[in-house]
Each structure stands twice: as structure tokens, then as C-alpha cells.
């Protein structure tokens, strides 16, 4: 592997480690707030059981093709042309990734 390849590999590993540590650093109180937001705000469009409504289902099966990064970006920036609003004013990148990871695991709000 050449120097550029090694540099890119190192960047990917560092990013992955940073993302994993960011998930672990959310305080329990903030995690509870995020789960409340998921149930009450996300649930109002995606269904109270997250099985779909105005917005699509947020079940592990439905989300399987998407990475946590992709889902986190959708949470933060919304979907232009749809009712999905950007949550960036209320959530950090780490919080959006935490929510995305939990949704992929199949949590129930």
C-alpha cells in the first residue's frame, strides 16, 4: 500500500474511533432527552412505534441499507422537498449519530 493509501486508511480508523467514543460520551440525562425527542417529535411523523406514518418507518430492517453517518446527516439536515425538517439547531453531530445508531439497533421509544 502506498503512502496515500496508508494516510487514507489512518483517517478512516481515526474517524471511526472518534465516532465510537462520541457515542459513549453522551451523558445519561441527555440520552433520556434524546429518546424523549425521538418518541414525541420523530414519532409524530414516523409513527408512535416508528413503523411509519407521514414519514417512512424507522425500523432496523428499513434502515439496514443506510449507515449511521447517512442517517445522522438526514437527521441534522432534513430532506429538502419533504416534511423532514433539519434538526441541526437542536442536535449536535454526535447526538444525531447516537440516535441513528440506536434506530439501527431497533430501539422502541
N, C-alpha and C. Protein backbone atom coordinates (compact mmCIF):
# COMPACT_ATOMS: atom_id res chain seq x y z
N UNK A 1 0.86 -1.17 0.00
CA UNK A 1 0.00 0.00 0.00
C UNK A 1 0.90 1.23 0.00
N UNK A 2 0.55 2.20 -0.83
CA UNK A 2 1.38 3.40 -0.91
C UNK A 2 1.08 4.37 0.24
N UNK A 3 1.84 5.43 0.28
CA UNK A 3 1.72 6.39 1.38
C UNK A 3 0.33 7.03 1.44
N UNK A 4 -0.23 7.38 0.28
CA UNK A 4 -1.56 7.98 0.25
C UNK A 4 -2.60 7.00 0.78
N UNK A 5 -2.48 5.74 0.38
CA UNK A 5 -3.41 4.73 0.86
C UNK A 5 -3.33 4.56 2.36
N UNK A 6 -2.12 4.56 2.90
CA UNK A 6 -1.95 4.45 4.35
C UNK A 6 -2.53 5.66 5.07
N UNK A 7 -2.35 6.83 4.50
CA UNK A 7 -2.89 8.05 5.10
C UNK A 7 -4.41 8.00 5.13
N UNK A 8 -5.01 7.58 4.02
CA UNK A 8 -6.47 7.48 3.97
C UNK A 8 -6.99 6.43 4.95
N UNK A 9 -6.30 5.29 5.04
CA UNK A 9 -6.70 4.25 5.98
C UNK A 9 -6.63 4.77 7.42
N UNK A 10 -5.57 5.49 7.75
CA UNK A 10 -5.43 6.06 9.09
C UNK A 10 -6.55 7.04 9.38
N UNK A 11 -6.92 7.86 8.39
CA UNK A 11 -8.01 8.83 8.59
C UNK A 11 -9.33 8.13 8.87
N UNK A 12 -9.59 7.04 8.15
CA UNK A 12 -10.83 6.28 8.36
C UNK A 12 -10.84 5.69 9.76
N UNK A 13 -9.74 5.11 10.19
CA UNK A 13 -9.66 4.50 11.52
C UNK A 13 -9.84 5.54 12.61
N UNK A 14 -9.20 6.67 12.46
CA UNK A 14 -9.32 7.74 13.46
C UNK A 14 -10.76 8.24 13.53
N UNK A 15 -11.40 8.42 12.39
CA UNK A 15 -12.79 8.87 12.36
C UNK A 15 -13.70 7.85 13.04
N UNK A 16 -13.49 6.57 12.75
CA UNK A 16 -14.31 5.53 13.36
C UNK A 16 -14.14 5.50 14.87
N UNK A 17 -12.91 5.63 15.35
CA UNK A 17 -12.65 5.64 16.79
C UNK A 17 -13.28 6.86 17.45
N UNK A 18 -13.19 8.00 16.79
CA UNK A 18 -13.78 9.22 17.34
C UNK A 18 -15.30 9.08 17.42
N UNK A 19 -15.92 8.53 16.38
CA UNK A 19 -17.37 8.34 16.37
C UNK A 19 -17.79 7.40 17.49
N UNK A 20 -17.08 6.30 17.66
CA UNK A 20 -17.42 5.35 18.72
C UNK A 20 -17.30 5.99 20.09
N UNK A 21 -16.24 6.78 20.32
CA UNK A 21 -16.07 7.40 21.64
C UNK A 21 -17.11 8.49 21.87
N UNK A 22 -17.53 9.16 20.81
CA UNK A 22 -18.55 10.21 20.96
C UNK A 22 -19.86 9.60 21.43
N UNK A 23 -20.21 8.39 20.92
CA UNK A 23 -21.43 7.73 21.35
C UNK A 23 -21.37 7.43 22.84
N UNK A 24 -20.22 7.02 23.33
CA UNK A 24 -20.07 6.63 24.73
C UNK A 24 -20.08 7.84 25.65
N UNK A 25 -19.78 9.02 25.12
CA UNK A 25 -19.64 10.20 25.96
C UNK A 25 -20.94 10.93 26.26
N UNK A 26 -22.03 10.56 25.62
CA UNK A 26 -23.30 11.24 25.90
C UNK A 26 -23.74 10.90 27.32
N UNK A 27 -24.04 11.92 28.08
CA UNK A 27 -24.49 11.72 29.45
C UNK A 27 -25.84 11.01 29.46
N UNK A 28 -26.09 10.25 30.50
CA UNK A 28 -27.34 9.50 30.62
C UNK A 28 -28.55 10.43 30.55
N UNK A 29 -28.45 11.61 31.14
CA UNK A 29 -29.57 12.54 31.12
C UNK A 29 -29.86 13.01 29.69
N UNK A 30 -28.81 13.27 28.92
CA UNK A 30 -29.00 13.71 27.53
C UNK A 30 -29.55 12.55 26.69
N UNK A 31 -29.11 11.33 26.95
CA UNK A 31 -29.65 10.18 26.25
C UNK A 31 -31.16 10.08 26.48
N UNK A 32 -31.58 10.29 27.71
CA UNK A 32 -33.01 10.25 28.03
C UNK A 32 -33.77 11.35 27.29
N UNK A 33 -33.17 12.54 27.20
CA UNK A 33 -33.80 13.63 26.45
C UNK A 33 -33.93 13.29 24.97
N UNK A 34 -32.90 12.67 24.42
CA UNK A 34 -32.93 12.31 23.01
C UNK A 34 -33.98 11.23 22.73
N UNK A 35 -34.12 10.29 23.64
CA UNK A 35 -35.15 9.26 23.47
C UNK A 35 -36.55 9.87 23.58
N UNK A 36 -36.71 10.86 24.45
CA UNK A 36 -37.98 11.56 24.57
C UNK A 36 -38.28 12.29 23.25
N UNK A 37 -37.27 12.97 22.70
CA UNK A 37 -37.41 13.66 21.43
C UNK A 37 -37.81 12.67 20.33
N UNK A 38 -37.16 11.53 20.32
CA UNK A 38 -37.46 10.51 19.32
C UNK A 38 -38.91 10.07 19.41
N UNK A 39 -39.38 9.82 20.61
CA UNK A 39 -40.76 9.35 20.79
C UNK A 39 -41.77 10.42 20.41
N UNK A 40 -41.56 11.63 20.90
CA UNK A 40 -42.59 12.66 20.75
C UNK A 40 -42.47 13.47 19.47
N UNK A 41 -41.27 13.78 19.06
CA UNK A 41 -41.12 14.61 17.86
C UNK A 41 -41.00 13.75 16.60
N UNK A 42 -40.10 12.80 16.61
CA UNK A 42 -39.95 11.92 15.42
C UNK A 42 -41.20 11.06 15.25
N UNK A 43 -41.73 10.58 16.38
CA UNK A 43 -42.91 9.72 16.35
C UNK A 43 -44.14 10.39 15.78
N UNK A 44 -44.19 11.72 15.85
CA UNK A 44 -45.37 12.40 15.32
C UNK A 44 -45.48 12.25 13.81
N UNK A 45 -44.37 12.05 13.12
CA UNK A 45 -44.40 11.83 11.66
C UNK A 45 -44.11 10.38 11.28
N UNK A 46 -43.21 9.74 12.00
CA UNK A 46 -42.79 8.38 11.65
C UNK A 46 -43.62 7.31 12.37
N UNK A 47 -44.65 7.73 13.07
CA UNK A 47 -45.50 6.81 13.82
C UNK A 47 -45.00 6.64 15.24
N UNK A 48 -45.89 6.55 16.17
CA UNK A 48 -45.50 6.46 17.59
C UNK A 48 -44.68 5.21 17.88
N UNK A 49 -44.81 4.18 17.06
CA UNK A 49 -43.99 2.98 17.21
C UNK A 49 -42.88 2.95 16.17
N UNK A 50 -42.71 4.07 15.45
CA UNK A 50 -41.70 4.24 14.41
C UNK A 50 -41.87 3.26 13.26
N UNK A 51 -43.10 2.83 13.04
CA UNK A 51 -43.38 1.87 11.97
C UNK A 51 -43.95 2.55 10.73
N UNK A 52 -43.86 3.86 10.69
CA UNK A 52 -44.29 4.62 9.53
C UNK A 52 -45.54 5.43 9.79
N UNK A 53 -45.70 6.47 9.04
CA UNK A 53 -46.82 7.39 9.13
C UNK A 53 -46.66 8.34 7.97
N UNK A 54 -46.63 9.63 8.25
CA UNK A 54 -46.33 10.62 7.22
C UNK A 54 -44.93 10.35 6.67
N UNK A 55 -44.00 10.02 7.57
CA UNK A 55 -42.64 9.66 7.18
C UNK A 55 -42.49 8.15 7.17
N UNK A 56 -41.40 7.66 6.57
CA UNK A 56 -41.20 6.21 6.48
C UNK A 56 -40.91 5.58 7.84
N UNK A 57 -41.03 4.27 7.89
CA UNK A 57 -40.69 3.52 9.11
C UNK A 57 -39.22 3.72 9.45
N UNK A 58 -38.92 3.70 10.74
CA UNK A 58 -37.55 3.82 11.23
C UNK A 58 -37.15 2.53 11.94
N UNK A 59 -37.48 1.42 11.32
CA UNK A 59 -37.17 0.11 11.89
C UNK A 59 -35.80 -0.35 11.41
N UNK A 60 -35.16 -1.27 12.14
CA UNK A 60 -33.85 -1.76 11.71
C UNK A 60 -33.86 -2.33 10.29
N UNK A 61 -34.91 -3.04 9.95
CA UNK A 61 -35.00 -3.62 8.61
C UNK A 61 -35.02 -2.53 7.55
N UNK A 62 -35.81 -1.51 7.76
CA UNK A 62 -35.94 -0.40 6.80
C UNK A 62 -34.63 0.40 6.72
N UNK A 63 -33.92 0.52 7.84
CA UNK A 63 -32.71 1.34 7.88
C UNK A 63 -31.43 0.57 7.56
N UNK A 64 -31.53 -0.73 7.41
CA UNK A 64 -30.35 -1.58 7.18
C UNK A 64 -29.45 -1.08 6.05
N UNK A 65 -29.99 -0.63 4.91
CA UNK A 65 -29.11 -0.21 3.81
C UNK A 65 -28.33 1.08 4.08
N UNK A 66 -28.68 1.80 5.12
CA UNK A 66 -28.07 3.10 5.38
C UNK A 66 -27.09 3.05 6.54
N UNK A 67 -25.99 3.75 6.40
CA UNK A 67 -25.02 3.84 7.51
C UNK A 67 -25.53 4.82 8.55
N UNK A 68 -24.98 4.72 9.75
CA UNK A 68 -25.33 5.68 10.81
C UNK A 68 -24.95 7.09 10.37
N UNK A 69 -23.84 7.23 9.63
CA UNK A 69 -23.42 8.54 9.13
C UNK A 69 -24.47 9.14 8.20
N UNK A 70 -25.00 8.32 7.29
CA UNK A 70 -26.02 8.80 6.36
C UNK A 70 -27.29 9.19 7.11
N UNK A 71 -27.71 8.35 8.03
CA UNK A 71 -28.91 8.66 8.82
C UNK A 71 -28.71 9.89 9.68
N UNK A 72 -27.52 10.01 10.29
CA UNK A 72 -27.22 11.19 11.10
C UNK A 72 -27.27 12.46 10.28
N UNK A 73 -26.77 12.39 9.06
CA UNK A 73 -26.81 13.55 8.17
C UNK A 73 -28.25 13.93 7.83
N UNK A 74 -29.09 12.93 7.60
CA UNK A 74 -30.51 13.20 7.32
C UNK A 74 -31.17 13.84 8.53
N UNK A 75 -30.86 13.35 9.72
CA UNK A 75 -31.42 13.94 10.94
C UNK A 75 -30.99 15.40 11.05
N UNK A 76 -29.73 15.67 10.84
CA UNK A 76 -29.22 17.03 11.00
C UNK A 76 -29.71 17.99 9.93
N UNK A 77 -29.75 17.54 8.67
CA UNK A 77 -30.02 18.46 7.56
C UNK A 77 -31.41 18.32 6.96
N UNK A 78 -32.17 17.32 7.40
CA UNK A 78 -33.51 17.13 6.87
C UNK A 78 -33.47 16.61 5.45
N UNK A 79 -34.63 16.61 4.82
CA UNK A 79 -34.76 16.19 3.43
C UNK A 79 -35.50 17.29 2.67
N UNK A 80 -34.78 18.11 1.92
CA UNK A 80 -35.45 19.18 1.15
C UNK A 80 -36.55 18.61 0.25
N UNK A 81 -37.65 19.32 0.19
CA UNK A 81 -38.77 18.89 -0.64
C UNK A 81 -39.70 17.89 0.04
N UNK A 82 -39.38 17.58 1.30
CA UNK A 82 -40.24 16.67 2.08
C UNK A 82 -40.55 17.35 3.41
N UNK A 83 -41.46 16.77 4.20
CA UNK A 83 -41.74 17.35 5.52
C UNK A 83 -40.61 17.15 6.54
N UNK A 84 -39.56 16.38 6.20
CA UNK A 84 -38.47 16.12 7.15
C UNK A 84 -37.65 17.38 7.39
N UNK A 85 -37.76 17.96 8.61
CA UNK A 85 -37.03 19.20 8.90
C UNK A 85 -35.59 18.92 9.33
N UNK A 86 -34.74 19.93 9.24
CA UNK A 86 -33.39 19.77 9.79
C UNK A 86 -33.43 19.93 11.31
N UNK A 87 -32.76 19.03 12.01
CA UNK A 87 -32.71 19.09 13.47
C UNK A 87 -31.40 19.69 13.97
N UNK A 88 -30.59 20.21 13.06
CA UNK A 88 -29.28 20.78 13.40
C UNK A 88 -29.37 21.87 14.48
N UNK A 89 -30.41 22.69 14.49
CA UNK A 89 -30.47 23.71 15.55
C UNK A 89 -30.60 23.12 16.96
N UNK A 90 -31.01 21.86 17.04
CA UNK A 90 -31.30 21.26 18.34
C UNK A 90 -30.36 20.12 18.73
N UNK A 91 -29.64 19.57 17.75
CA UNK A 91 -28.80 18.40 17.99
C UNK A 91 -27.38 18.62 17.47
N UNK A 92 -26.44 18.04 18.16
CA UNK A 92 -25.06 18.03 17.67
C UNK A 92 -24.89 16.84 16.73
N UNK A 93 -23.79 16.82 16.02
CA UNK A 93 -23.49 15.69 15.14
C UNK A 93 -23.42 14.40 15.94
N UNK A 94 -22.77 14.45 17.10
CA UNK A 94 -22.64 13.27 17.95
C UNK A 94 -23.99 12.75 18.41
N UNK A 95 -24.89 13.66 18.74
CA UNK A 95 -26.23 13.26 19.18
C UNK A 95 -27.02 12.64 18.04
N UNK A 96 -26.89 13.20 16.83
CA UNK A 96 -27.58 12.64 15.67
C UNK A 96 -27.04 11.25 15.37
N UNK A 97 -25.73 11.05 15.48
CA UNK A 97 -25.14 9.73 15.26
C UNK A 97 -25.59 8.75 16.33
N UNK A 98 -25.71 9.20 17.56
CA UNK A 98 -26.18 8.35 18.64
C UNK A 98 -27.61 7.88 18.35
N UNK A 99 -28.47 8.82 17.95
CA UNK A 99 -29.85 8.46 17.61
C UNK A 99 -29.88 7.49 16.43
N UNK A 100 -29.12 7.77 15.40
CA UNK A 100 -29.09 6.91 14.23
C UNK A 100 -28.65 5.49 14.60
N UNK A 101 -27.63 5.39 15.43
CA UNK A 101 -27.15 4.08 15.86
C UNK A 101 -28.22 3.33 16.64
N UNK A 102 -28.92 4.03 17.52
CA UNK A 102 -29.98 3.39 18.30
C UNK A 102 -31.11 2.93 17.40
N UNK A 103 -31.47 3.75 16.40
CA UNK A 103 -32.53 3.34 15.48
C UNK A 103 -32.14 2.09 14.70
N UNK A 104 -30.89 2.02 14.28
CA UNK A 104 -30.43 0.84 13.55
C UNK A 104 -30.43 -0.41 14.43
N UNK A 105 -30.31 -0.21 15.74
CA UNK A 105 -30.34 -1.35 16.68
C UNK A 105 -31.76 -1.80 16.98
N UNK A 106 -32.73 -0.95 16.71
CA UNK A 106 -34.11 -1.35 16.93
C UNK A 106 -34.71 -0.92 18.25
N UNK A 107 -34.33 0.23 18.75
CA UNK A 107 -34.93 0.70 19.99
C UNK A 107 -36.39 1.07 19.77
N UNK A 108 -37.16 0.99 20.79
CA UNK A 108 -38.54 1.46 20.79
C UNK A 108 -38.59 2.66 21.72
N UNK A 109 -39.09 3.76 21.21
CA UNK A 109 -39.16 4.95 22.09
C UNK A 109 -40.20 4.77 23.20
